[in-house]
N, C-alpha and C. Protein backbone atom coordinates (compact mmCIF):
# COMPACT_ATOMS: atom_id res chain seq x y z
N UNK A 1 181.33 113.10 141.19
CA UNK A 1 181.53 114.38 141.20
C UNK A 1 182.22 114.93 143.09
N UNK A 2 183.03 115.70 142.67
CA UNK A 2 183.13 116.28 143.87
C UNK A 2 182.67 117.20 144.28
N UNK A 3 182.58 116.93 146.08
CA UNK A 3 181.87 118.21 146.58
C UNK A 3 182.05 119.56 146.91
N UNK A 4 181.57 120.43 146.66
CA UNK A 4 182.25 121.88 146.79
C UNK A 4 181.88 122.31 147.83
N UNK A 5 182.78 123.41 148.50
CA UNK A 5 182.62 123.57 149.63
C UNK A 5 182.55 125.47 149.52
N UNK A 6 181.97 125.89 150.18
CA UNK A 6 181.29 127.17 150.02
C UNK A 6 183.09 128.14 150.22
N UNK A 7 183.34 127.69 150.84
CA UNK A 7 184.58 128.74 151.57
C UNK A 7 185.89 127.92 150.51
N UNK A 8 185.77 127.66 149.38
CA UNK A 8 186.82 127.83 148.04
C UNK A 8 186.13 128.64 147.21
N UNK A 9 185.28 128.45 147.14
CA UNK A 9 184.86 129.71 146.30
C UNK A 9 185.27 130.86 146.38
N UNK A 10 185.78 131.41 147.55
CA UNK A 10 185.66 133.32 147.80
C UNK A 10 184.64 134.06 147.34
N UNK A 11 183.15 133.97 147.56
CA UNK A 11 182.38 134.81 146.90
C UNK A 11 182.49 135.78 147.71
N UNK A 12 182.40 136.84 147.09
CA UNK A 12 182.44 138.59 147.60
C UNK A 12 181.73 139.10 146.43
N UNK A 13 180.90 140.42 146.84
CA UNK A 13 180.23 141.56 146.08
C UNK A 13 181.18 142.09 145.16
N UNK A 14 181.26 142.27 143.80
CA UNK A 14 181.97 142.59 142.94
C UNK A 14 181.55 143.43 142.64
N UNK A 15 180.11 144.42 142.06
CA UNK A 15 179.37 146.22 142.32
C UNK A 15 178.29 145.35 141.87
N UNK A 16 177.48 146.76 141.76
CA UNK A 16 175.46 147.25 141.86
C UNK A 16 175.98 147.83 140.43
N UNK A 17 174.88 146.85 139.64
CA UNK A 17 174.94 147.31 137.96
C UNK A 17 173.04 148.22 138.47
N UNK A 18 173.54 149.55 138.44
CA UNK A 18 172.13 150.41 138.18
C UNK A 18 171.77 150.73 137.18
N UNK A 19 170.73 150.33 136.94
CA UNK A 19 169.98 150.61 135.39
C UNK A 19 169.19 152.01 135.26
N UNK A 20 169.66 153.25 134.28
CA UNK A 20 169.33 154.29 133.94
C UNK A 20 168.65 153.96 132.64
N UNK A 21 167.82 155.25 131.96
CA UNK A 21 167.19 154.96 130.43
C UNK A 21 167.59 155.32 130.10
N UNK A 22 168.93 156.30 130.34
CA UNK A 22 169.80 156.50 128.83
C UNK A 22 171.10 157.29 129.34
N UNK A 23 171.42 157.48 128.66
CA UNK A 23 173.47 158.15 128.73
C UNK A 23 173.50 159.26 129.58
N UNK A 24 172.35 160.19 128.97
CA UNK A 24 172.49 161.64 130.30
C UNK A 24 172.10 161.11 130.93
N UNK A 25 170.76 160.50 131.75
CA UNK A 25 170.81 160.12 132.90
C UNK A 25 172.00 159.43 133.40
N UNK A 26 172.56 158.85 133.19
CA UNK A 26 173.50 157.39 133.57
C UNK A 26 175.16 158.46 134.23
N UNK A 27 175.45 159.36 133.28
CA UNK A 27 176.39 160.20 133.57
C UNK A 27 175.73 160.79 134.77
N UNK A 28 175.02 161.40 134.54
CA UNK A 28 174.00 162.52 135.82
C UNK A 28 174.29 161.45 137.02
N UNK A 29 173.84 160.64 137.13
CA UNK A 29 173.82 159.43 137.78
C UNK A 29 175.51 159.16 138.53
N UNK A 30 176.59 158.70 137.64
CA UNK A 30 176.98 158.39 137.95
C UNK A 30 178.09 159.59 138.76
N UNK A 31 177.82 160.84 138.56
CA UNK A 31 178.50 162.64 138.97
C UNK A 31 177.85 162.25 140.36
N UNK A 32 176.40 162.74 140.42
CA UNK A 32 176.24 162.45 141.64
C UNK A 32 177.42 161.75 142.72
N UNK A 33 177.30 160.25 142.11
CA UNK A 33 177.95 159.69 142.99
C UNK A 33 179.17 159.98 143.65
N UNK A 34 180.17 160.43 142.95
CA UNK A 34 181.46 160.90 142.26
C UNK A 34 181.39 162.10 143.26
N UNK A 35 180.51 163.42 143.15
CA UNK A 35 180.67 164.17 144.61
C UNK A 35 179.92 163.84 145.02
N UNK A 36 178.75 162.74 145.34
CA UNK A 36 179.12 162.59 147.13
C UNK A 36 180.28 162.34 147.85
N UNK A 37 181.05 161.45 147.05
CA UNK A 37 181.29 160.80 147.34
C UNK A 37 183.33 160.21 147.36
N UNK A 38 183.48 161.06 146.46
CA UNK A 38 184.70 161.34 146.15
C UNK A 38 185.24 160.07 145.63
N UNK A 39 185.11 159.58 144.49
CA UNK A 39 184.46 158.22 144.03
C UNK A 39 185.20 158.41 142.34
N UNK A 40 186.31 157.98 142.07
CA UNK A 40 187.10 158.26 140.59
C UNK A 40 185.95 157.51 139.46
N UNK A 41 186.09 158.43 138.13
CA UNK A 41 184.98 157.58 137.23
C UNK A 41 185.30 156.46 136.14
N UNK A 42 185.55 155.08 135.77
CA UNK A 42 185.92 155.05 134.19
C UNK A 42 184.58 154.60 133.57
N UNK A 43 184.90 155.81 132.61
CA UNK A 43 183.40 155.67 131.04
C UNK A 43 183.23 154.30 130.33
N UNK A 44 182.46 153.64 130.36
CA UNK A 44 182.79 152.95 129.03
C UNK A 44 181.83 152.58 127.78
N UNK A 45 181.85 152.33 127.13
CA UNK A 45 181.11 152.26 126.20
C UNK A 45 179.38 151.47 126.46
N UNK A 46 179.56 151.06 127.78
CA UNK A 46 177.46 150.57 127.77
C UNK A 46 177.62 151.01 129.33
N UNK A 47 178.35 151.79 130.39
CA UNK A 47 178.24 151.74 131.13
C UNK A 47 178.87 152.49 132.06
N UNK A 48 179.28 153.51 132.73
CA UNK A 48 180.02 154.23 133.99
C UNK A 48 180.45 153.67 134.69
N UNK A 49 181.19 153.16 135.03
CA UNK A 49 181.42 152.18 137.31
C UNK A 49 182.27 153.47 138.01
N UNK A 50 181.89 153.90 138.85
CA UNK A 50 181.42 154.65 139.61
C UNK A 50 182.79 153.90 141.24
N UNK A 51 184.45 154.35 141.02
CA UNK A 51 184.65 153.19 141.71
C UNK A 51 184.48 152.69 141.78
N UNK A 52 184.49 151.55 140.73
CA UNK A 52 184.69 150.16 140.70
C UNK A 52 183.53 149.36 141.44
N UNK A 53 182.56 149.58 142.33
CA UNK A 53 181.56 149.66 142.84
C UNK A 53 180.27 149.53 142.09
N UNK A 54 179.80 150.34 141.59
CA UNK A 54 178.81 151.03 140.56
C UNK A 54 178.98 150.96 139.69
N UNK A 55 178.19 150.56 138.68
CA UNK A 55 178.10 150.13 137.54
C UNK A 55 176.74 150.94 137.35
N UNK A 56 176.88 152.18 136.15
CA UNK A 56 175.68 152.87 136.03
C UNK A 56 175.85 153.03 134.50
N UNK A 57 174.82 151.84 133.54
CA UNK A 57 174.29 151.81 132.60
C UNK A 57 173.99 152.68 131.77
N UNK A 58 174.05 152.90 130.70
CA UNK A 58 173.47 153.74 130.01
C UNK A 58 172.24 153.43 129.47
N UNK A 59 171.40 152.09 129.45
CA UNK A 59 170.19 152.24 128.68
C UNK A 59 169.86 150.75 129.74
N UNK A 60 168.80 150.30 129.97
CA UNK A 60 168.65 149.47 130.77
C UNK A 60 169.05 147.63 130.78
N UNK A 61 169.29 147.00 131.10
CA UNK A 61 170.12 146.42 131.01
C UNK A 61 169.13 145.18 131.79
N UNK A 62 169.45 143.83 132.35
CA UNK A 62 169.04 142.79 132.96
C UNK A 62 168.55 143.21 134.50
N UNK A 63 167.27 142.54 135.02
CA UNK A 63 167.25 143.08 136.16
C UNK A 63 166.17 144.31 136.55
N UNK A 64 164.96 144.17 137.29
CA UNK A 64 163.90 144.89 137.31
C UNK A 64 164.36 146.04 137.51
N UNK A 65 165.40 146.26 138.80
CA UNK A 65 166.12 147.47 139.00
C UNK A 65 167.74 148.11 139.48
N UNK A 66 168.37 146.96 137.99
CA UNK A 66 169.88 146.26 137.84
C UNK A 66 170.48 144.97 138.21
N UNK A 67 171.22 145.75 137.82
CA UNK A 67 171.94 143.61 138.65
C UNK A 67 173.05 144.06 139.68
N UNK A 68 173.43 142.71 140.10
CA UNK A 68 174.73 142.40 141.47
C UNK A 68 175.48 141.47 141.21
N UNK A 69 176.63 142.26 141.06
CA UNK A 69 178.17 141.32 140.51
C UNK A 69 178.22 140.42 141.41
N UNK A 70 179.05 139.36 142.05
CA UNK A 70 179.09 138.36 142.83
C UNK A 70 180.49 137.85 142.12
N UNK A 71 182.02 138.25 142.23
CA UNK A 71 182.94 137.89 142.10
C UNK A 71 183.02 136.48 143.10
N UNK A 72 183.85 135.48 142.43
CA UNK A 72 184.42 134.20 142.52
C UNK A 72 186.00 133.83 141.67
N UNK A 73 186.58 132.73 142.47
CA UNK A 73 187.54 132.84 142.78
C UNK A 73 187.99 130.86 141.28
N UNK A 74 186.27 131.21 140.84
CA UNK A 74 185.92 129.62 140.00
C UNK A 74 184.13 130.19 139.56
N UNK A 75 184.35 130.24 138.66
CA UNK A 75 183.05 130.70 137.72
C UNK A 75 182.16 129.20 137.55
N UNK A 76 183.39 128.48 137.14
CA UNK A 76 182.32 126.64 136.29
C UNK A 76 182.22 126.41 137.89
N UNK A 77 183.14 126.32 138.98
CA UNK A 77 182.81 125.59 140.01
C UNK A 77 181.38 126.15 141.10
N UNK A 78 181.85 128.02 140.38
CA UNK A 78 180.49 128.20 141.52
C UNK A 78 179.01 128.30 140.58
N UNK A 79 179.02 128.49 139.86
CA UNK A 79 178.06 127.63 139.19
C UNK A 79 177.91 125.99 139.76
N UNK A 80 178.42 125.55 139.25
CA UNK A 80 178.16 123.80 139.55
C UNK A 80 177.11 123.74 141.01
N UNK A 81 178.31 124.39 142.16
CA UNK A 81 177.82 124.86 143.77
C UNK A 81 175.98 125.14 143.70
N UNK A 82 176.24 126.45 142.73
CA UNK A 82 174.45 126.43 142.78
C UNK A 82 173.78 125.83 142.33
N UNK A 83 174.07 125.51 141.27
CA UNK A 83 173.64 124.09 140.73
C UNK A 83 172.74 123.30 141.29
N UNK A 84 173.17 122.93 141.52
CA UNK A 84 173.29 121.69 143.34
C UNK A 84 172.77 121.99 143.98
N UNK A 85 172.27 123.32 144.58
CA UNK A 85 171.36 123.87 145.01
C UNK A 85 169.78 124.97 144.76
N UNK A 86 169.71 124.57 142.85
CA UNK A 86 168.28 124.05 142.56
C UNK A 86 168.66 125.23 141.86
N UNK A 87 169.21 125.97 141.80
CA UNK A 87 169.82 127.82 140.97
C UNK A 87 169.49 127.04 139.82
N UNK A 88 169.16 128.02 138.75
CA UNK A 88 169.12 127.54 136.69
C UNK A 88 169.54 129.26 137.12
N UNK A 89 170.51 128.81 135.13
CA UNK A 89 171.11 129.90 135.11
C UNK A 89 170.81 130.61 133.64
N UNK A 90 171.15 131.79 133.21
CA UNK A 90 171.02 132.09 131.93
C UNK A 90 172.38 132.24 130.74
N UNK A 91 171.50 131.08 130.06
CA UNK A 91 173.31 130.40 129.59
C UNK A 91 173.60 130.88 128.41
N UNK A 92 172.71 132.12 127.85
CA UNK A 92 172.55 133.10 126.80
C UNK A 92 173.72 134.01 127.54
N UNK A 93 174.17 134.27 129.10
CA UNK A 93 174.82 134.98 128.76
C UNK A 93 176.08 134.69 129.19
N UNK A 94 175.99 133.41 129.68
CA UNK A 94 178.25 133.00 129.39
C UNK A 94 178.79 133.93 128.62
N UNK A 95 180.05 134.19 129.32
CA UNK A 95 181.24 135.16 128.74
C UNK A 95 182.41 134.48 129.30
N UNK A 96 182.67 133.60 127.64
CA UNK A 96 184.08 132.66 127.78
C UNK A 96 184.70 133.90 127.64
N UNK A 97 186.53 133.34 128.10
CA UNK A 97 187.77 134.57 128.08
C UNK A 97 188.56 133.44 126.92
N UNK A 98 189.75 134.40 126.54
CA UNK A 98 190.04 134.02 125.47
C UNK A 98 190.57 132.26 125.59
N UNK A 99 191.16 131.45 127.31
CA UNK A 99 191.84 130.71 128.12
C UNK A 99 189.93 130.18 127.58
N UNK A 100 189.55 129.89 127.94
CA UNK A 100 188.18 128.43 127.03
C UNK A 100 186.75 129.29 128.69
N UNK A 101 187.85 130.19 130.26
CA UNK A 101 187.03 129.69 130.79
C UNK A 101 185.90 130.72 130.78
N UNK A 102 185.15 130.36 131.42
CA UNK A 102 183.99 130.94 131.94
C UNK A 102 184.43 131.94 133.19
N UNK A 103 183.64 133.52 132.66
CA UNK A 103 183.87 134.22 133.47
C UNK A 103 182.74 134.98 133.96
N UNK A 104 181.56 134.64 133.52
CA UNK A 104 180.69 135.91 134.35
C UNK A 104 179.30 134.60 133.02
N UNK A 105 178.42 134.78 134.20
CA UNK A 105 177.34 134.12 133.53
C UNK A 105 176.01 134.33 134.66
N UNK A 106 174.88 134.68 134.22
CA UNK A 106 173.52 135.29 135.05
C UNK A 106 172.86 134.12 135.24
N UNK A 107 172.68 134.09 136.65
CA UNK A 107 171.19 133.41 136.66
C UNK A 107 170.38 134.07 136.42
N UNK A 108 169.44 132.99 136.16
CA UNK A 108 168.35 133.00 135.43
C UNK A 108 166.37 133.79 136.68
N UNK A 109 166.68 133.45 138.08
CA UNK A 109 165.85 133.73 138.76
C UNK A 109 166.56 135.80 139.74
N UNK A 110 166.06 136.18 139.02
CA UNK A 110 165.85 137.69 140.02
C UNK A 110 165.81 137.51 141.43
N UNK A 111 167.23 138.74 142.59
CA UNK A 111 166.60 138.88 144.01
C UNK A 111 166.10 139.68 144.26
N UNK A 112 165.03 140.10 144.58
CA UNK A 112 164.68 141.49 145.08
C UNK A 112 164.71 142.32 143.70
N UNK A 113 165.26 142.27 142.66
CA UNK A 113 164.63 142.87 141.64
C UNK A 113 165.35 143.00 140.72
N UNK A 114 166.26 142.03 141.31
CA UNK A 114 168.12 142.67 140.58
C UNK A 114 168.62 141.11 140.35
N UNK A 115 169.33 141.50 138.98
CA UNK A 115 169.64 140.34 138.71
C UNK A 115 170.93 139.82 139.23
N UNK A 116 171.30 138.64 139.37
CA UNK A 116 172.93 138.26 139.85
C UNK A 116 173.36 137.56 138.60
N UNK A 117 174.63 138.33 138.92
CA UNK A 117 175.68 137.12 137.80
C UNK A 117 177.30 137.12 138.78
N UNK A 118 177.74 136.03 138.54
CA UNK A 118 178.85 135.40 138.71
C UNK A 118 180.08 136.15 137.86
N UNK A 119 181.04 136.65 138.47
CA UNK A 119 181.96 136.84 137.67
C UNK A 119 183.39 136.02 138.24
N UNK A 120 184.57 135.93 137.37
CA UNK A 120 186.05 136.00 137.44
C UNK A 120 186.80 136.51 138.28
N UNK A 121 186.91 136.44 139.49
CA UNK A 121 187.96 137.19 140.02
C UNK A 121 188.99 137.49 138.95
N UNK A 122 189.74 138.45 138.62
CA UNK A 122 190.53 139.03 138.65
C UNK A 122 192.14 138.62 139.02
């Protein structure tokens, strides 16, 4: 098995997911972020993205406080790299693209009250 160098993975912060109890609370939070910082808003069925760095969830999702997306150039290699460090993954969250490549997968463990997921860079 090849040794994976962390610099090859291009890890970077993707976004912070903020759990909210319902859609009205999510809308209020998203509006406040947008108003305070002048960020654009993009509404989706399950969440509202504010400047793409904040995903305000319309109902609670994974993570006590929410989730943090870590982007990488290769989710499969990043997953293998972290597994070598003893990290377990929640395989039920794995999402594959039409090309059969892994796009998203959540770590099993929360860190600081947040779920973490790996996401393929676009």
